[in-house]
Amino acid sequence: MAGFADETAGRIDDARRLAAVRTVYGRLRRGEREALAQCVWSGLDYAQAAQALGIPVGTARSRLSRARARLRELAAMTTRTASPPPPPPARSGGGCRARRC
């Protein structure tokens, strides 16, 4: 049963990450989105992507680098703000009953 729970938790984490990527993808600049789409999703190398986009190879590399960095940054921010706050720490020694909360 533990394997099923771990697998389910992993899938939930993956779904959250994917949702964060989808959310922030639209926030990238057009050139960054294009470079990311060509290199990551279409599987082109830098030279092929540069040719497809009509830009120098160095520009394709820098756009892809910026896009990846921005995605990491925005996804981390989105994940942090979407997560519920952690529960308060547990109290020892009787908790609230001893103080009549």
N, C-alpha and C. Protein backbone atom coordinates (compact mmCIF):
# COMPACT_ATOMS: atom_id res chain seq x y z
N MET A 1 0.82 -1.20 0.00
CA MET A 1 0.00 0.00 0.00
C MET A 1 0.86 1.26 0.00
N ALA A 2 2.03 1.17 0.66
CA ALA A 2 2.90 2.35 0.71
C ALA A 2 3.37 2.74 -0.68
N GLY A 3 3.63 1.75 -1.56
CA GLY A 3 4.06 2.06 -2.92
C GLY A 3 3.01 2.84 -3.68
N PHE A 4 1.74 2.46 -3.49
CA PHE A 4 0.64 3.16 -4.15
C PHE A 4 0.55 4.60 -3.66
N ALA A 5 0.69 4.79 -2.35
CA ALA A 5 0.62 6.14 -1.78
C ALA A 5 1.77 7.00 -2.28
N ASP A 6 2.97 6.42 -2.35
CA ASP A 6 4.13 7.17 -2.85
C ASP A 6 3.94 7.54 -4.32
N GLU A 7 3.42 6.60 -5.10
CA GLU A 7 3.19 6.87 -6.52
C GLU A 7 2.14 7.96 -6.71
N THR A 8 1.08 7.90 -5.93
CA THR A 8 0.02 8.91 -6.00
C THR A 8 0.56 10.28 -5.61
N ALA A 9 1.35 10.33 -4.54
CA ALA A 9 1.93 11.60 -4.10
C ALA A 9 2.85 12.16 -5.18
N GLY A 10 3.62 11.28 -5.81
CA GLY A 10 4.50 11.72 -6.90
C GLY A 10 3.72 12.28 -8.07
N ARG A 11 2.61 11.65 -8.39
CA ARG A 11 1.79 12.15 -9.50
C ARG A 11 1.17 13.50 -9.17
N ILE A 12 0.77 13.68 -7.93
CA ILE A 12 0.21 14.96 -7.51
C ILE A 12 1.28 16.05 -7.61
N ASP A 13 2.50 15.74 -7.16
CA ASP A 13 3.60 16.70 -7.28
C ASP A 13 3.87 17.04 -8.74
N ASP A 14 3.88 16.01 -9.60
CA ASP A 14 4.10 16.23 -11.03
C ASP A 14 3.01 17.12 -11.62
N ALA A 15 1.77 16.87 -11.23
CA ALA A 15 0.66 17.67 -11.74
C ALA A 15 0.78 19.12 -11.30
N ARG A 16 1.22 19.33 -10.06
CA ARG A 16 1.41 20.70 -9.57
C ARG A 16 2.52 21.41 -10.35
N ARG A 17 3.61 20.69 -10.59
CA ARG A 17 4.71 21.29 -11.36
C ARG A 17 4.28 21.64 -12.77
N LEU A 18 3.55 20.74 -13.41
CA LEU A 18 3.07 20.98 -14.76
C LEU A 18 2.12 22.17 -14.80
N ALA A 19 1.24 22.26 -13.82
CA ALA A 19 0.33 23.41 -13.75
C ALA A 19 1.11 24.70 -13.58
N ALA A 20 2.17 24.67 -12.77
CA ALA A 20 2.99 25.86 -12.57
C ALA A 20 3.68 26.25 -13.87
N VAL A 21 4.17 25.27 -14.62
CA VAL A 21 4.83 25.57 -15.90
C VAL A 21 3.83 26.17 -16.87
N ARG A 22 2.64 25.59 -16.93
CA ARG A 22 1.61 26.14 -17.83
C ARG A 22 1.25 27.57 -17.45
N THR A 23 1.18 27.82 -16.17
CA THR A 23 0.82 29.16 -15.70
C THR A 23 1.87 30.18 -16.10
N VAL A 24 3.13 29.82 -15.94
CA VAL A 24 4.19 30.81 -16.17
C VAL A 24 4.67 30.85 -17.61
N TYR A 25 4.37 29.83 -18.41
CA TYR A 25 4.80 29.81 -19.81
C TYR A 25 4.34 31.07 -20.55
N GLY A 26 3.12 31.47 -20.30
CA GLY A 26 2.59 32.66 -20.95
C GLY A 26 3.25 33.96 -20.51
N ARG A 27 3.96 33.92 -19.39
CA ARG A 27 4.65 35.11 -18.90
C ARG A 27 6.01 35.32 -19.54
N LEU A 28 6.49 34.32 -20.28
CA LEU A 28 7.78 34.47 -20.95
C LEU A 28 7.64 35.43 -22.12
N ARG A 29 8.74 36.04 -22.49
CA ARG A 29 8.75 36.88 -23.69
C ARG A 29 8.55 35.99 -24.91
N ARG A 30 8.05 36.56 -25.96
CA ARG A 30 7.76 35.80 -27.18
C ARG A 30 8.98 35.03 -27.67
N GLY A 31 10.12 35.68 -27.75
CA GLY A 31 11.34 35.02 -28.23
C GLY A 31 11.77 33.87 -27.34
N GLU A 32 11.57 34.03 -26.05
CA GLU A 32 11.90 32.96 -25.10
C GLU A 32 10.95 31.77 -25.28
N ARG A 33 9.67 32.06 -25.46
CA ARG A 33 8.69 30.99 -25.69
C ARG A 33 9.01 30.23 -26.97
N GLU A 34 9.37 30.97 -28.02
CA GLU A 34 9.68 30.34 -29.30
C GLU A 34 10.91 29.45 -29.19
N ALA A 35 11.96 29.94 -28.55
CA ALA A 35 13.18 29.15 -28.40
C ALA A 35 12.90 27.91 -27.56
N LEU A 36 12.14 28.06 -26.49
CA LEU A 36 11.79 26.93 -25.64
C LEU A 36 10.99 25.90 -26.43
N ALA A 37 10.03 26.35 -27.19
CA ALA A 37 9.20 25.44 -27.97
C ALA A 37 10.04 24.68 -29.00
N GLN A 38 10.94 25.36 -29.67
CA GLN A 38 11.76 24.72 -30.71
C GLN A 38 12.73 23.71 -30.12
N CYS A 39 13.41 24.08 -29.04
CA CYS A 39 14.46 23.23 -28.48
C CYS A 39 13.93 22.14 -27.56
N VAL A 40 12.98 22.48 -26.73
CA VAL A 40 12.50 21.52 -25.73
C VAL A 40 11.39 20.65 -26.30
N TRP A 41 10.36 21.26 -26.82
CA TRP A 41 9.20 20.48 -27.26
C TRP A 41 9.36 19.91 -28.66
N SER A 42 10.03 20.63 -29.56
CA SER A 42 10.22 20.11 -30.91
C SER A 42 11.48 19.27 -31.03
N GLY A 43 12.35 19.36 -30.04
CA GLY A 43 13.56 18.54 -30.04
C GLY A 43 14.66 19.01 -30.98
N LEU A 44 14.61 20.26 -31.40
CA LEU A 44 15.65 20.77 -32.28
C LEU A 44 16.89 21.15 -31.47
N ASP A 45 18.06 21.05 -32.10
CA ASP A 45 19.26 21.54 -31.43
C ASP A 45 19.33 23.06 -31.64
N TYR A 46 20.35 23.68 -31.04
CA TYR A 46 20.45 25.15 -31.11
C TYR A 46 20.50 25.65 -32.55
N ALA A 47 21.31 25.00 -33.39
CA ALA A 47 21.47 25.46 -34.78
C ALA A 47 20.16 25.32 -35.55
N GLN A 48 19.46 24.22 -35.36
CA GLN A 48 18.19 24.01 -36.05
C GLN A 48 17.14 25.01 -35.57
N ALA A 49 17.10 25.24 -34.28
CA ALA A 49 16.15 26.21 -33.74
C ALA A 49 16.46 27.60 -34.25
N ALA A 50 17.73 27.96 -34.27
CA ALA A 50 18.13 29.28 -34.76
C ALA A 50 17.71 29.45 -36.22
N GLN A 51 17.93 28.41 -37.01
CA GLN A 51 17.54 28.48 -38.42
C GLN A 51 16.02 28.61 -38.56
N ALA A 52 15.28 27.84 -37.78
CA ALA A 52 13.82 27.88 -37.85
C ALA A 52 13.29 29.26 -37.44
N LEU A 53 13.96 29.88 -36.48
CA LEU A 53 13.51 31.18 -35.98
C LEU A 53 14.12 32.35 -36.75
N GLY A 54 15.11 32.07 -37.59
CA GLY A 54 15.76 33.14 -38.36
C GLY A 54 16.62 34.05 -37.50
N ILE A 55 17.29 33.45 -36.51
CA ILE A 55 18.15 34.22 -35.60
C ILE A 55 19.51 33.53 -35.49
N PRO A 56 20.53 34.24 -35.01
CA PRO A 56 21.84 33.61 -34.81
C PRO A 56 21.78 32.53 -33.73
N VAL A 57 22.68 31.57 -33.82
CA VAL A 57 22.73 30.47 -32.85
C VAL A 57 22.92 31.00 -31.43
N GLY A 58 23.79 31.98 -31.26
CA GLY A 58 24.03 32.55 -29.93
C GLY A 58 22.77 33.16 -29.33
N THR A 59 21.97 33.77 -30.17
CA THR A 59 20.70 34.34 -29.70
C THR A 59 19.74 33.24 -29.27
N ALA A 60 19.69 32.16 -30.03
CA ALA A 60 18.84 31.04 -29.65
C ALA A 60 19.28 30.47 -28.31
N ARG A 61 20.59 30.31 -28.13
CA ARG A 61 21.11 29.79 -26.86
C ARG A 61 20.75 30.70 -25.68
N SER A 62 20.95 32.00 -25.87
CA SER A 62 20.68 32.91 -24.76
C SER A 62 19.19 33.00 -24.45
N ARG A 63 18.35 32.97 -25.47
CA ARG A 63 16.90 33.01 -25.24
C ARG A 63 16.45 31.76 -24.49
N LEU A 64 16.99 30.61 -24.88
CA LEU A 64 16.62 29.37 -24.21
C LEU A 64 17.11 29.37 -22.77
N SER A 65 18.30 29.87 -22.55
CA SER A 65 18.85 29.94 -21.19
C SER A 65 17.99 30.86 -20.32
N ARG A 66 17.63 32.02 -20.85
CA ARG A 66 16.78 32.94 -20.10
C ARG A 66 15.40 32.34 -19.84
N ALA A 67 14.86 31.65 -20.84
CA ALA A 67 13.54 31.05 -20.68
C ALA A 67 13.56 29.99 -19.59
N ARG A 68 14.57 29.15 -19.58
CA ARG A 68 14.66 28.10 -18.56
C ARG A 68 14.81 28.71 -17.17
N ALA A 69 15.66 29.71 -17.06
CA ALA A 69 15.86 30.37 -15.76
C ALA A 69 14.58 31.03 -15.28
N ARG A 70 13.90 31.71 -16.18
CA ARG A 70 12.65 32.39 -15.83
C ARG A 70 11.56 31.39 -15.45
N LEU A 71 11.49 30.28 -16.19
CA LEU A 71 10.51 29.25 -15.84
C LEU A 71 10.76 28.70 -14.45
N ARG A 72 12.03 28.42 -14.12
CA ARG A 72 12.34 27.92 -12.78
C ARG A 72 11.93 28.93 -11.72
N GLU A 73 12.26 30.19 -11.97
CA GLU A 73 11.95 31.26 -11.00
C GLU A 73 10.44 31.42 -10.82
N LEU A 74 9.72 31.52 -11.92
CA LEU A 74 8.28 31.74 -11.85
C LEU A 74 7.55 30.50 -11.32
N ALA A 75 8.01 29.32 -11.70
CA ALA A 75 7.38 28.10 -11.20
C ALA A 75 7.57 27.97 -9.70
N ALA A 76 8.76 28.33 -9.22
CA ALA A 76 9.01 28.28 -7.77
C ALA A 76 8.11 29.26 -7.04
N MET A 77 7.95 30.46 -7.60
CA MET A 77 7.08 31.45 -6.97
C MET A 77 5.63 30.97 -6.98
N THR A 78 5.18 30.41 -8.09
CA THR A 78 3.81 29.93 -8.21
C THR A 78 3.55 28.78 -7.26
N THR A 79 4.51 27.86 -7.15
CA THR A 79 4.36 26.72 -6.25
C THR A 79 4.31 27.18 -4.81
N ARG A 80 5.16 28.14 -4.44
CA ARG A 80 5.16 28.63 -3.06
C ARG A 80 3.86 29.30 -2.71
N THR A 81 3.31 30.10 -3.61
CA THR A 81 2.08 30.83 -3.30
C THR A 81 0.86 29.93 -3.36
N ALA A 82 0.94 28.82 -4.11
CA ALA A 82 -0.20 27.91 -4.23
C ALA A 82 -0.25 26.90 -3.10
N SER A 83 0.84 26.71 -2.40
CA SER A 83 0.88 25.72 -1.32
C SER A 83 0.22 26.28 -0.07
N PRO A 84 -0.51 25.44 0.63
CA PRO A 84 -1.10 25.91 1.88
C PRO A 84 -0.01 26.14 2.92
N PRO A 85 -0.25 27.02 3.87
CA PRO A 85 0.76 27.27 4.89
C PRO A 85 0.95 26.02 5.74
N PRO A 86 2.15 25.82 6.27
CA PRO A 86 2.37 24.64 7.11
C PRO A 86 1.58 24.74 8.41
N PRO A 87 1.23 23.60 9.00
CA PRO A 87 0.49 23.65 10.27
C PRO A 87 1.38 24.18 11.37
N PRO A 88 0.79 24.74 12.41
CA PRO A 88 1.60 25.25 13.52
C PRO A 88 2.31 24.08 14.20
N PRO A 89 3.46 24.35 14.82
CA PRO A 89 4.18 23.27 15.48
C PRO A 89 3.37 22.69 16.64
N ALA A 90 3.53 21.38 16.85
CA ALA A 90 2.83 20.72 17.95
C ALA A 90 3.46 21.14 19.26
N ARG A 91 2.63 21.28 20.26
CA ARG A 91 3.12 21.66 21.59
C ARG A 91 3.29 20.42 22.44
N SER A 92 4.28 20.43 23.25
CA SER A 92 4.49 19.28 24.13
C SER A 92 4.06 19.63 25.54
N GLY A 93 3.92 18.62 26.36
CA GLY A 93 3.62 18.85 27.77
C GLY A 93 2.19 19.24 28.05
N GLY A 94 1.23 18.63 27.36
CA GLY A 94 -0.16 18.88 27.72
C GLY A 94 -0.89 19.79 26.76
N GLY A 95 -0.19 20.54 25.94
CA GLY A 95 -0.83 21.36 24.93
C GLY A 95 -1.80 22.38 25.50
N CYS A 96 -2.90 22.59 24.80
CA CYS A 96 -3.88 23.62 25.18
C CYS A 96 -4.64 23.26 26.44
N ARG A 97 -4.84 21.99 26.71
CA ARG A 97 -5.62 21.62 27.90
C ARG A 97 -5.02 22.17 29.18
N ALA A 98 -3.69 22.21 29.25
CA ALA A 98 -3.04 22.69 30.46
C ALA A 98 -3.27 24.20 30.64
N ARG A 99 -3.50 24.92 29.54
CA ARG A 99 -3.67 26.38 29.61
C ARG A 99 -5.10 26.81 29.39
N ARG A 100 -6.00 25.90 29.22
CA ARG A 100 -7.42 26.18 28.97
C ARG A 100 -7.63 27.12 27.80
N CYS A 101 -7.19 26.71 26.63
CA CYS A 101 -7.32 27.53 25.42
C CYS A 101 -8.75 27.64 24.97
